[in-house]
Amino acid sequence: MALGGTFEEVSEEDFEWLFAINVSGVVRMIRAFLPLLKASDDARIIDLSSIYGLVSPPGQTAYAASKFAVRGFSQALGHELKETRIRVTVVHPGGVATSIANSARVRKD
């Protein structure tokens, strides 16, 4: 999910809403499937971040922070799982033709 606006423009409620989806969603899904992945002979976790997990433009404070969080979580998890058969990859796509802008929350004037 996306959320546009500067840090001061974005409400705390919207900031938390975005993190619940973009970060907590990733964490919860991995927590749910990790036992199955550990039982597998070969497994890979592929987390979807964004180019905004590598760069942080103005007006995208919440979104960039959530995507940096996914990146950091994925990298740390990969280190933790290094001695297992599970590999972790994080993908940082740029512009992709999706409807993300249609469902984005933006500041209200």
PDB file of N, CA and C in Angstrom:
ATOM      1  N   MET A   1       0.844  -1.178   0.000  1.00  0.00           N
ATOM      2  CA  MET A   1       0.000   0.000   0.000  1.00  0.00           C
ATOM      3  C   MET A   1       0.887   1.238   0.000  1.00  0.00           C
ATOM      4  N   ALA A   2       0.350   2.322  -0.487  1.00  0.00           N
ATOM      5  CA  ALA A   2       1.103   3.570  -0.557  1.00  0.00           C
ATOM      6  C   ALA A   2       0.413   4.646   0.264  1.00  0.00           C
ATOM      7  N   LEU A   3       1.203   5.605   0.669  1.00  0.00           N
ATOM      8  CA  LEU A   3       0.709   6.719   1.467  1.00  0.00           C
ATOM      9  C   LEU A   3       1.525   7.942   1.103  1.00  0.00           C
ATOM     10  N   GLY A   4       0.886   8.929   0.510  1.00  0.00           N
ATOM     11  CA  GLY A   4       1.600  10.122   0.085  1.00  0.00           C
ATOM     12  C   GLY A   4       1.488  11.240   1.095  1.00  0.00           C
ATOM     13  N   GLY A   5       2.490  12.084   1.141  1.00  0.00           N
ATOM     14  CA  GLY A   5       2.496  13.243   2.020  1.00  0.00           C
ATOM     15  C   GLY A   5       3.771  13.297   2.840  1.00  0.00           C
ATOM     16  N   THR A   6       4.118  14.504   3.249  1.00  0.00           N
ATOM     17  CA  THR A   6       5.290  14.671   4.100  1.00  0.00           C
ATOM     18  C   THR A   6       4.996  14.100   5.480  1.00  0.00           C
ATOM     19  N   PHE A   7       6.022  13.960   6.283  1.00  0.00           N
ATOM     20  CA  PHE A   7       5.863  13.423   7.631  1.00  0.00           C
ATOM     21  C   PHE A   7       4.838  14.225   8.428  1.00  0.00           C
ATOM     22  N   GLU A   8       4.897  15.530   8.326  1.00  0.00           N
ATOM     23  CA  GLU A   8       3.960  16.377   9.079  1.00  0.00           C
ATOM     24  C   GLU A   8       2.534  16.289   8.538  1.00  0.00           C
ATOM     25  N   GLU A   9       2.385  15.960   7.280  1.00  0.00           N
ATOM     26  CA  GLU A   9       1.054  15.855   6.679  1.00  0.00           C
ATOM     27  C   GLU A   9       0.369  14.521   6.958  1.00  0.00           C
ATOM     28  N   VAL A  10       1.152  13.490   7.181  1.00  0.00           N
ATOM     29  CA  VAL A  10       0.608  12.141   7.370  1.00  0.00           C
ATOM     30  C   VAL A  10       0.236  11.948   8.837  1.00  0.00           C
ATOM     31  N   SER A  11      -0.986  11.541   9.075  1.00  0.00           N
ATOM     32  CA  SER A  11      -1.426  11.314  10.458  1.00  0.00           C
ATOM     33  C   SER A  11      -0.732  10.080  11.038  1.00  0.00           C
ATOM     34  N   GLU A  12      -0.665  10.039  12.343  1.00  0.00           N
ATOM     35  CA  GLU A  12      -0.084   8.878  13.016  1.00  0.00           C
ATOM     36  C   GLU A  12      -0.882   7.613  12.680  1.00  0.00           C
ATOM     37  N   GLU A  13      -2.200   7.773  12.613  1.00  0.00           N
ATOM     38  CA  GLU A  13      -3.075   6.645  12.270  1.00  0.00           C
ATOM     39  C   GLU A  13      -2.747   6.090  10.883  1.00  0.00           C
ATOM     40  N   ASP A  14      -2.566   6.979   9.897  1.00  0.00           N
ATOM     41  CA  ASP A  14      -2.234   6.521   8.547  1.00  0.00           C
ATOM     42  C   ASP A  14      -0.838   5.906   8.485  1.00  0.00           C
ATOM     43  N   PHE A  15       0.106   6.483   9.218  1.00  0.00           N
ATOM     44  CA  PHE A  15       1.470   5.946   9.268  1.00  0.00           C
ATOM     45  C   PHE A  15       1.430   4.518   9.798  1.00  0.00           C
ATOM     46  N   GLU A  16       0.702   4.309  10.885  1.00  0.00           N
ATOM     47  CA  GLU A  16       0.592   2.979  11.482  1.00  0.00           C
ATOM     48  C   GLU A  16      -0.168   2.015  10.570  1.00  0.00           C
ATOM     49  N   TRP A  17      -1.184   2.515   9.872  1.00  0.00           N
ATOM     50  CA  TRP A  17      -1.937   1.699   8.907  1.00  0.00           C
ATOM     51  C   TRP A  17      -0.999   1.147   7.840  1.00  0.00           C
ATOM     52  N   LEU A  18      -0.133   2.023   7.305  1.00  0.00           N
ATOM     53  CA  LEU A  18       0.796   1.614   6.263  1.00  0.00           C
ATOM     54  C   LEU A  18       1.782   0.563   6.772  1.00  0.00           C
ATOM     55  N   PHE A  19       2.322   0.785   7.972  1.00  0.00           N
ATOM     56  CA  PHE A  19       3.267  -0.177   8.538  1.00  0.00           C
ATOM     57  C   PHE A  19       2.594  -1.510   8.832  1.00  0.00           C
ATOM     58  N   ALA A  20       1.340  -1.491   9.258  1.00  0.00           N
ATOM     59  CA  ALA A  20       0.623  -2.739   9.533  1.00  0.00           C
ATOM     60  C   ALA A  20       0.521  -3.596   8.283  1.00  0.00           C
ATOM     61  N   ILE A  21       0.367  -2.966   7.144  1.00  0.00           N
ATOM     62  CA  ILE A  21       0.257  -3.707   5.886  1.00  0.00           C
ATOM     63  C   ILE A  21       1.638  -4.041   5.330  1.00  0.00           C
ATOM     64  N   ASN A  22       2.461  -3.019   5.118  1.00  0.00           N
ATOM     65  CA  ASN A  22       3.728  -3.203   4.405  1.00  0.00           C
ATOM     66  C   ASN A  22       4.797  -3.941   5.207  1.00  0.00           C
ATOM     67  N   VAL A  23       4.791  -3.797   6.517  1.00  0.00           N
ATOM     68  CA  VAL A  23       5.830  -4.429   7.334  1.00  0.00           C
ATOM     69  C   VAL A  23       5.255  -5.610   8.123  1.00  0.00           C
ATOM     70  N   SER A  24       4.240  -5.353   8.903  1.00  0.00           N
ATOM     71  CA  SER A  24       3.680  -6.425   9.735  1.00  0.00           C
ATOM     72  C   SER A  24       3.117  -7.548   8.888  1.00  0.00           C
ATOM     73  N   GLY A  25       2.590  -7.232   7.718  1.00  0.00           N
ATOM     74  CA  GLY A  25       2.091  -8.270   6.825  1.00  0.00           C
ATOM     75  C   GLY A  25       3.192  -9.228   6.409  1.00  0.00           C
ATOM     76  N   VAL A  26       4.357  -8.686   6.076  1.00  0.00           N
ATOM     77  CA  VAL A  26       5.511  -9.507   5.696  1.00  0.00           C
ATOM     78  C   VAL A  26       5.940 -10.378   6.875  1.00  0.00           C
ATOM     79  N   VAL A  27       6.062  -9.759   8.036  1.00  0.00           N
ATOM     80  CA  VAL A  27       6.519 -10.475   9.229  1.00  0.00           C
ATOM     81  C   VAL A  27       5.548 -11.597   9.593  1.00  0.00           C
ATOM     82  N   ARG A  28       4.270 -11.306   9.582  1.00  0.00           N
ATOM     83  CA  ARG A  28       3.273 -12.320   9.953  1.00  0.00           C
ATOM     84  C   ARG A  28       3.246 -13.498   8.987  1.00  0.00           C
ATOM     85  N   MET A  29       3.357 -13.216   7.706  1.00  0.00           N
ATOM     86  CA  MET A  29       3.344 -14.301   6.718  1.00  0.00           C
ATOM     87  C   MET A  29       4.574 -15.196   6.876  1.00  0.00           C
ATOM     88  N   ILE A  30       5.726 -14.593   7.085  1.00  0.00           N
ATOM     89  CA  ILE A  30       6.934 -15.400   7.261  1.00  0.00           C
ATOM     90  C   ILE A  30       6.839 -16.212   8.546  1.00  0.00           C
ATOM     91  N   ARG A  31       6.346 -15.602   9.601  1.00  0.00           N
ATOM     92  CA  ARG A  31       6.185 -16.334  10.859  1.00  0.00           C
ATOM     93  C   ARG A  31       5.248 -17.528  10.669  1.00  0.00           C
ATOM     94  N   ALA A  32       4.196 -17.353   9.888  1.00  0.00           N
ATOM     95  CA  ALA A  32       3.229 -18.426   9.665  1.00  0.00           C
ATOM     96  C   ALA A  32       3.819 -19.573   8.841  1.00  0.00           C
ATOM     97  N   PHE A  33       4.636 -19.245   7.844  1.00  0.00           N
ATOM     98  CA  PHE A  33       5.145 -20.267   6.934  1.00  0.00           C
ATOM     99  C   PHE A  33       6.535 -20.784   7.282  1.00  0.00           C
ATOM    100  N   LEU A  34       7.234 -20.151   8.189  1.00  0.00           N
ATOM    101  CA  LEU A  34       8.604 -20.559   8.495  1.00  0.00           C
ATOM    102  C   LEU A  34       8.718 -22.022   8.934  1.00  0.00           C
ATOM    103  N   PRO A  35       7.817 -22.547   9.761  1.00  0.00           N
ATOM    104  CA  PRO A  35       7.936 -23.969  10.115  1.00  0.00           C
ATOM    105  C   PRO A  35       7.861 -24.898   8.888  1.00  0.00           C
ATOM    106  N   LEU A  36       6.994 -24.569   7.943  1.00  0.00           N
ATOM    107  CA  LEU A  36       6.899 -25.372   6.713  1.00  0.00           C
ATOM    108  C   LEU A  36       8.164 -25.242   5.871  1.00  0.00           C
ATOM    109  N   LEU A  37       8.700 -24.038   5.804  1.00  0.00           N
ATOM    110  CA  LEU A  37       9.920 -23.816   5.035  1.00  0.00           C
ATOM    111  C   LEU A  37      11.098 -24.561   5.650  1.00  0.00           C
ATOM    112  N   LYS A  38      11.160 -24.584   6.974  1.00  0.00           N
ATOM    113  CA  LYS A  38      12.248 -25.300   7.652  1.00  0.00           C
ATOM    114  C   LYS A  38      12.169 -26.798   7.403  1.00  0.00           C
ATOM    115  N   ALA A  39      10.973 -27.321   7.198  1.00  0.00           N
ATOM    116  CA  ALA A  39      10.796 -28.753   6.939  1.00  0.00           C
ATOM    117  C   ALA A  39      11.094 -29.117   5.490  1.00  0.00           C
ATOM    118  N   SER A  40      11.259 -28.122   4.641  1.00  0.00           N
ATOM    119  CA  SER A  40      11.509 -28.350   3.220  1.00  0.00           C
ATOM    120  C   SER A  40      12.987 -28.648   2.974  1.00  0.00           C
ATOM    121  N   ASP A  41      13.245 -29.360   1.884  1.00  0.00           N
ATOM    122  CA  ASP A  41      14.630 -29.640   1.494  1.00  0.00           C
ATOM    123  C   ASP A  41      15.326 -28.403   0.931  1.00  0.00           C
ATOM    124  N   ASP A  42      14.540 -27.504   0.378  1.00  0.00           N
ATOM    125  CA  ASP A  42      15.090 -26.292  -0.235  1.00  0.00           C
ATOM    126  C   ASP A  42      13.998 -25.240  -0.225  1.00  0.00           C
ATOM    127  N   ALA A  43      14.271 -24.087   0.305  1.00  0.00           N
ATOM    128  CA  ALA A  43      13.228 -23.063   0.407  1.00  0.00           C
ATOM    129  C   ALA A  43      13.818 -21.680   0.193  1.00  0.00           C
ATOM    130  N   ARG A  44      12.976 -20.796  -0.296  1.00  0.00           N
ATOM    131  CA  ARG A  44      13.377 -19.406  -0.502  1.00  0.00           C
ATOM    132  C   ARG A  44      12.240 -18.502  -0.100  1.00  0.00           C
ATOM    133  N   ILE A  45      12.594 -17.467   0.642  1.00  0.00           N
ATOM    134  CA  ILE A  45      11.664 -16.398   0.992  1.00  0.00           C
ATOM    135  C   ILE A  45      12.014 -15.230   0.086  1.00  0.00           C
ATOM    136  N   ILE A  46      11.034 -14.715  -0.626  1.00  0.00           N
ATOM    137  CA  ILE A  46      11.250 -13.557  -1.491  1.00  0.00           C
ATOM    138  C   ILE A  46      10.332 -12.448  -0.994  1.00  0.00           C
ATOM    139  N   ASP A  47      10.928 -11.425  -0.409  1.00  0.00           N
ATOM    140  CA  ASP A  47      10.172 -10.294   0.120  1.00  0.00           C
ATOM    141  C   ASP A  47      10.180  -9.158  -0.894  1.00  0.00           C
ATOM    142  N   LEU A  48       9.049  -8.524  -1.031  1.00  0.00           N
ATOM    143  CA  LEU A  48       8.897  -7.417  -1.970  1.00  0.00           C
ATOM    144  C   LEU A  48       8.994  -6.091  -1.230  1.00  0.00           C
ATOM    145  N   SER A  49      10.023  -5.351  -1.523  1.00  0.00           N
ATOM    146  CA  SER A  49      10.194  -4.009  -0.981  1.00  0.00           C
ATOM    147  C   SER A  49       9.822  -3.033  -2.096  1.00  0.00           C
ATOM    148  N   SER A  50      10.692  -2.116  -2.415  1.00  0.00           N
ATOM    149  CA  SER A  50      10.456  -1.107  -3.441  1.00  0.00           C
ATOM    150  C   SER A  50      11.760  -0.380  -3.685  1.00  0.00           C
ATOM    151  N   ILE A  51      11.832   0.330  -4.776  1.00  0.00           N
ATOM    152  CA  ILE A  51      12.986   1.204  -4.977  1.00  0.00           C
ATOM    153  C   ILE A  51      13.090   2.191  -3.818  1.00  0.00           C
ATOM    154  N   TYR A  52      11.930   2.469  -3.180  1.00  0.00           N
ATOM    155  CA  TYR A  52      11.924   3.366  -2.020  1.00  0.00           C
ATOM    156  C   TYR A  52      12.450   2.689  -0.764  1.00  0.00           C
ATOM    157  N   GLY A  53      12.855   1.442  -0.876  1.00  0.00           N
ATOM    158  CA  GLY A  53      13.608   0.783   0.181  1.00  0.00           C
ATOM    159  C   GLY A  53      15.099   1.013   0.016  1.00  0.00           C
ATOM    160  N   LEU A  54      15.477   1.704  -1.060  1.00  0.00           N
ATOM    161  CA  LEU A  54      16.875   2.051  -1.333  1.00  0.00           C
ATOM    162  C   LEU A  54      17.089   3.558  -1.361  1.00  0.00           C
ATOM    163  N   VAL A  55      16.071   4.306  -1.772  1.00  0.00           N
ATOM    164  CA  VAL A  55      16.128   5.771  -1.813  1.00  0.00           C
ATOM    165  C   VAL A  55      14.901   6.305  -1.077  1.00  0.00           C
ATOM    166  N   SER A  56      15.010   7.521  -0.612  1.00  0.00           N
ATOM    167  CA  SER A  56      13.894   8.068   0.171  1.00  0.00           C
ATOM    168  C   SER A  56      13.577   9.496  -0.271  1.00  0.00           C
ATOM    169  N   PRO A  57      12.663   9.623  -1.224  1.00  0.00           N
ATOM    170  CA  PRO A  57      12.320  10.954  -1.735  1.00  0.00           C
ATOM    171  C   PRO A  57      11.412  11.714  -0.772  1.00  0.00           C
ATOM    172  N   PRO A  58      11.431  13.043  -0.851  1.00  0.00           N
ATOM    173  CA  PRO A  58      10.517  13.829  -0.018  1.00  0.00           C
ATOM    174  C   PRO A  58       9.068  13.536  -0.380  1.00  0.00           C
ATOM    175  N   GLY A  59       8.204  13.625   0.600  1.00  0.00           N
ATOM    176  CA  GLY A  59       6.797  13.355   0.384  1.00  0.00           C
ATOM    177  C   GLY A  59       6.450  11.878   0.465  1.00  0.00           C
ATOM    178  N   GLN A  60       7.439  11.056   0.753  1.00  0.00           N
ATOM    179  CA  GLN A  60       7.239   9.606   0.851  1.00  0.00           C
ATOM    180  C   GLN A  60       7.830   9.039   2.137  1.00  0.00           C
ATOM    181  N   THR A  61       7.800   9.834   3.200  1.00  0.00           N
ATOM    182  CA  THR A  61       8.420   9.436   4.463  1.00  0.00           C
ATOM    183  C   THR A  61       7.900   8.101   4.964  1.00  0.00           C
ATOM    184  N   ALA A  62       6.598   7.959   5.061  1.00  0.00           N
ATOM    185  CA  ALA A  62       6.011   6.731   5.603  1.00  0.00           C
ATOM    186  C   ALA A  62       6.272   5.545   4.683  1.00  0.00           C
ATOM    187  N   TYR A  63       6.042   5.727   3.400  1.00  0.00           N
ATOM    188  CA  TYR A  63       6.217   4.631   2.444  1.00  0.00           C
ATOM    189  C   TYR A  63       7.675   4.183   2.406  1.00  0.00           C
ATOM    190  N   ALA A  64       8.598   5.136   2.301  1.00  0.00           N
ATOM    191  CA  ALA A  64      10.021   4.783   2.258  1.00  0.00           C
ATOM    192  C   ALA A  64      10.443   4.100   3.560  1.00  0.00           C
ATOM    193  N   ALA A  65       9.969   4.596   4.690  1.00  0.00           N
ATOM    194  CA  ALA A  65      10.317   3.970   5.965  1.00  0.00           C
ATOM    195  C   ALA A  65       9.823   2.535   6.024  1.00  0.00           C
ATOM    196  N   SER A  66       8.620   2.282   5.517  1.00  0.00           N
ATOM    197  CA  SER A  66       8.087   0.919   5.546  1.00  0.00           C
ATOM    198  C   SER A  66       8.887   0.001   4.629  1.00  0.00           C
ATOM    199  N   LYS A  67       9.325   0.513   3.502  1.00  0.00           N
ATOM    200  CA  LYS A  67      10.078  -0.321   2.565  1.00  0.00           C
ATOM    201  C   LYS A  67      11.517  -0.532   3.030  1.00  0.00           C
ATOM    202  N   PHE A  68      12.103   0.457   3.705  1.00  0.00           N
ATOM    203  CA  PHE A  68      13.411   0.266   4.337  1.00  0.00           C
ATOM    204  C   PHE A  68      13.292  -0.777   5.446  1.00  0.00           C
ATOM    205  N   ALA A  69      12.176  -0.779   6.169  1.00  0.00           N
ATOM    206  CA  ALA A  69      11.951  -1.755   7.235  1.00  0.00           C
ATOM    207  C   ALA A  69      11.889  -3.166   6.660  1.00  0.00           C
ATOM    208  N   VAL A  70      11.197  -3.334   5.541  1.00  0.00           N
ATOM    209  CA  VAL A  70      11.145  -4.652   4.891  1.00  0.00           C
ATOM    210  C   VAL A  70      12.547  -5.083   4.474  1.00  0.00           C
ATOM    211  N   ARG A  71      13.299  -4.164   3.931  1.00  0.00           N
ATOM    212  CA  ARG A  71      14.674  -4.467   3.515  1.00  0.00           C
ATOM    213  C   ARG A  71      15.523  -4.901   4.704  1.00  0.00           C
ATOM    214  N   GLY A  72      15.485  -4.137   5.791  1.00  0.00           N
ATOM    215  CA  GLY A  72      16.279  -4.468   6.979  1.00  0.00           C
ATOM    216  C   GLY A  72      15.865  -5.784   7.598  1.00  0.00           C
ATOM    217  N   PHE A  73      14.555  -6.005   7.703  1.00  0.00           N
ATOM    218  CA  PHE A  73      14.047  -7.256   8.252  1.00  0.00           C
ATOM    219  C   PHE A  73      14.528  -8.434   7.407  1.00  0.00           C
ATOM    220  N   SER A  74      14.395  -8.314   6.106  1.00  0.00           N
ATOM    221  CA  SER A  74      14.765  -9.401   5.200  1.00  0.00           C
ATOM    222  C   SER A  74      16.254  -9.707   5.279  1.00  0.00           C
ATOM    223  N   GLN A  75      17.077  -8.679   5.323  1.00  0.00           N
ATOM    224  CA  GLN A  75      18.515  -8.895   5.402  1.00  0.00           C
ATOM    225  C   GLN A  75      18.907  -9.553   6.719  1.00  0.00           C
ATOM    226  N   ALA A  76      18.332  -9.084   7.819  1.00  0.00           N
ATOM    227  CA  ALA A  76      18.637  -9.679   9.120  1.00  0.00           C
ATOM    228  C   ALA A  76      18.154 -11.130   9.179  1.00  0.00           C
ATOM    229  N   LEU A  77      16.957 -11.389   8.669  1.00  0.00           N
ATOM    230  CA  LEU A  77      16.427 -12.746   8.656  1.00  0.00           C
ATOM    231  C   LEU A  77      17.319 -13.665   7.827  1.00  0.00           C
ATOM    232  N   GLY A  78      17.802 -13.160   6.704  1.00  0.00           N
ATOM    233  CA  GLY A  78      18.709 -13.951   5.883  1.00  0.00           C
ATOM    234  C   GLY A  78      19.958 -14.360   6.648  1.00  0.00           C
ATOM    235  N   HIS A  79      20.493 -13.450   7.454  1.00  0.00           N
ATOM    236  CA  HIS A  79      21.666 -13.777   8.278  1.00  0.00           C
ATOM    237  C   HIS A  79      21.312 -14.828   9.326  1.00  0.00           C
ATOM    238  N   GLU A  80      20.141 -14.686   9.935  1.00  0.00           N
ATOM    239  CA  GLU A  80      19.715 -15.630  10.961  1.00  0.00           C
ATOM    240  C   GLU A  80      19.484 -17.030  10.398  1.00  0.00           C
ATOM    241  N   LEU A  81      19.058 -17.117   9.162  1.00  0.00           N
ATOM    242  CA  LEU A  81      18.758 -18.409   8.539  1.00  0.00           C
ATOM    243  C   LEU A  81      19.926 -18.968   7.734  1.00  0.00           C
ATOM    244  N   LYS A  82      21.070 -18.336   7.848  1.00  0.00           N
ATOM    245  CA  LYS A  82      22.235 -18.708   7.049  1.00  0.00           C
ATOM    246  C   LYS A  82      22.619 -20.182   7.199  1.00  0.00           C
ATOM    247  N   GLU A  83      22.448 -20.738   8.373  1.00  0.00           N
ATOM    248  CA  GLU A  83      22.839 -22.129   8.617  1.00  0.00           C
ATOM    249  C   GLU A  83      21.723 -23.117   8.267  1.00  0.00           C
ATOM    250  N   THR A  84      20.642 -22.630   7.674  1.00  0.00           N
ATOM    251  CA  THR A  84      19.541 -23.506   7.257  1.00  0.00           C
ATOM    252  C   THR A  84      19.547 -23.621   5.739  1.00  0.00           C
ATOM    253  N   ARG A  85      18.563 -24.344   5.207  1.00  0.00           N
ATOM    254  CA  ARG A  85      18.418 -24.468   3.751  1.00  0.00           C
ATOM    255  C   ARG A  85      17.531 -23.356   3.182  1.00  0.00           C
ATOM    256  N   ILE A  86      17.149 -22.423   4.024  1.00  0.00           N
ATOM    257  CA  ILE A  86      16.262 -21.336   3.591  1.00  0.00           C
ATOM    258  C   ILE A  86      17.105 -20.130   3.188  1.00  0.00           C
ATOM    259  N   ARG A  87      16.830 -19.591   2.033  1.00  0.00           N
ATOM    260  CA  ARG A  87      17.491 -18.373   1.570  1.00  0.00           C
ATOM    261  C   ARG A  87      16.455 -17.258   1.510  1.00  0.00           C
ATOM    262  N   VAL A  88      16.909 -16.056   1.773  1.00  0.00           N
ATOM    263  CA  VAL A  88      16.019 -14.887   1.777  1.00  0.00           C
ATOM    264  C   VAL A  88      16.503 -13.897   0.730  1.00  0.00           C
ATOM    265  N   THR A  89      15.580 -13.451  -0.096  1.00  0.00           N
ATOM    266  CA  THR A  89      15.860 -12.453  -1.121  1.00  0.00           C
ATOM    267  C   THR A  89      14.874 -11.310  -0.930  1.00  0.00           C
ATOM    268  N   VAL A  90      15.355 -10.101  -1.100  1.00  0.00           N
ATOM    269  CA  VAL A  90      14.459  -8.947  -1.075  1.00  0.00           C
ATOM    270  C   VAL A  90      14.569  -8.254  -2.425  1.00  0.00           C
ATOM    271  N   VAL A  91      13.420  -7.953  -3.014  1.00  0.00           N
ATOM    272  CA  VAL A  91      13.344  -7.364  -4.345  1.00  0.00           C
ATOM    273  C   VAL A  91      12.932  -5.902  -4.207  1.00  0.00           C
ATOM    274  N   HIS A  92      13.576  -5.042  -4.978  1.00  0.00           N
ATOM    275  CA  HIS A  92      13.313  -3.597  -4.931  1.00  0.00           C
ATOM    276  C   HIS A  92      12.896  -3.084  -6.307  1.00  0.00           C
ATOM    277  N   PRO A  93      11.670  -3.383  -6.745  1.00  0.00           N
ATOM    278  CA  PRO A  93      11.258  -2.924  -8.078  1.00  0.00           C
ATOM    279  C   PRO A  93      11.060  -1.409  -8.122  1.00  0.00           C
ATOM    280  N   GLY A  94      11.246  -0.876  -9.302  1.00  0.00           N
ATOM    281  CA  GLY A  94      10.941   0.535  -9.542  1.00  0.00           C
ATOM    282  C   GLY A  94       9.493   0.660  -9.966  1.00  0.00           C
ATOM    283  N   GLY A  95       9.227   1.512 -10.907  1.00  0.00           N
ATOM    284  CA  GLY A  95       7.861   1.703 -11.381  1.00  0.00           C
ATOM    285  C   GLY A  95       7.320   0.451 -12.059  1.00  0.00           C
ATOM    286  N   VAL A  96       6.211  -0.034 -11.567  1.00  0.00           N
ATOM    287  CA  VAL A  96       5.556  -1.208 -12.124  1.00  0.00           C
ATOM    288  C   VAL A  96       4.095  -0.832 -12.360  1.00  0.00           C
ATOM    289  N   ALA A  97       3.552  -1.246 -13.464  1.00  0.00           N
ATOM    290  CA  ALA A  97       2.166  -0.903 -13.810  1.00  0.00           C
ATOM    291  C   ALA A  97       1.194  -1.677 -12.914  1.00  0.00           C
ATOM    292  N   THR A  98       0.855  -1.084 -11.775  1.00  0.00           N
ATOM    293  CA  THR A  98      -0.133  -1.662 -10.855  1.00  0.00           C
ATOM    294  C   THR A  98      -1.163  -0.578 -10.537  1.00  0.00           C
ATOM    295  N   SER A  99      -2.121  -0.926  -9.732  1.00  0.00           N
ATOM    296  CA  SER A  99      -3.135   0.047  -9.329  1.00  0.00           C
ATOM    297  C   SER A  99      -2.834   0.631  -7.949  1.00  0.00           C
ATOM    298  N   ILE A 100      -1.572   0.618  -7.530  1.00  0.00           N
ATOM    299  CA  ILE A 100      -1.212   1.098  -6.202  1.00  0.00           C
ATOM    300  C   ILE A 100      -1.641   2.559  -5.991  1.00  0.00           C
ATOM    301  N   ALA A 101      -1.530   3.366  -7.028  1.00  0.00           N
ATOM    302  CA  ALA A 101      -1.918   4.779  -6.894  1.00  0.00           C
ATOM    303  C   ALA A 101      -3.416   4.924  -6.653  1.00  0.00           C
ATOM    304  N   ASN A 102      -4.206   3.999  -7.193  1.00  0.00           N
ATOM    305  CA  ASN A 102      -5.659   4.069  -7.004  1.00  0.00           C
ATOM    306  C   ASN A 102      -6.074   3.794  -5.568  1.00  0.00           C
ATOM    307  N   SER A 103      -5.296   2.989  -4.842  1.00  0.00           N
ATOM    308  CA  SER A 103      -5.643   2.646  -3.472  1.00  0.00           C
ATOM    309  C   SER A 103      -4.801   3.397  -2.449  1.00  0.00           C
ATOM    310  N   ALA A 104      -3.941   4.293  -2.914  1.00  0.00           N
ATOM    311  CA  ALA A 104      -3.070   5.037  -2.005  1.00  0.00           C
ATOM    312  C   ALA A 104      -3.881   6.027  -1.173  1.00  0.00           C
ATOM    313  N   ARG A 105      -3.400   6.237   0.030  1.00  0.00           N
ATOM    314  CA  ARG A 105      -3.969   7.295   0.861  1.00  0.00           C
ATOM    315  C   ARG A 105      -3.114   8.537   0.642  1.00  0.00           C
ATOM    316  N   VAL A 106      -3.763   9.657   0.520  1.00  0.00           N
ATOM    317  CA  VAL A 106      -3.048  10.932   0.357  1.00  0.00           C
ATOM    318  C   VAL A 106      -3.591  11.914   1.367  1.00  0.00           C
ATOM    319  N   ARG A 107      -2.805  12.940   1.634  1.00  0.00           N
ATOM    320  CA  ARG A 107      -3.226  13.918   2.639  1.00  0.00           C
ATOM    321  C   ARG A 107      -4.519  14.575   2.231  1.00  0.00           C
ATOM    322  N   LYS A 108      -5.280  14.929   3.223  1.00  0.00           N
ATOM    323  CA  LYS A 108      -6.560  15.598   2.984  1.00  0.00           C
ATOM    324  C   LYS A 108      -6.398  17.075   3.298  1.00  0.00           C
ATOM    325  N   ASP A 109      -6.752  17.928   2.345  1.00  0.00           N
ATOM    326  CA  ASP A 109      -6.649  19.388   2.569  1.00  0.00           C
ATOM    327  C   ASP A 109      -7.820  19.918   3.352  1.00  0.00           C
TER     328      ASP A 109
END
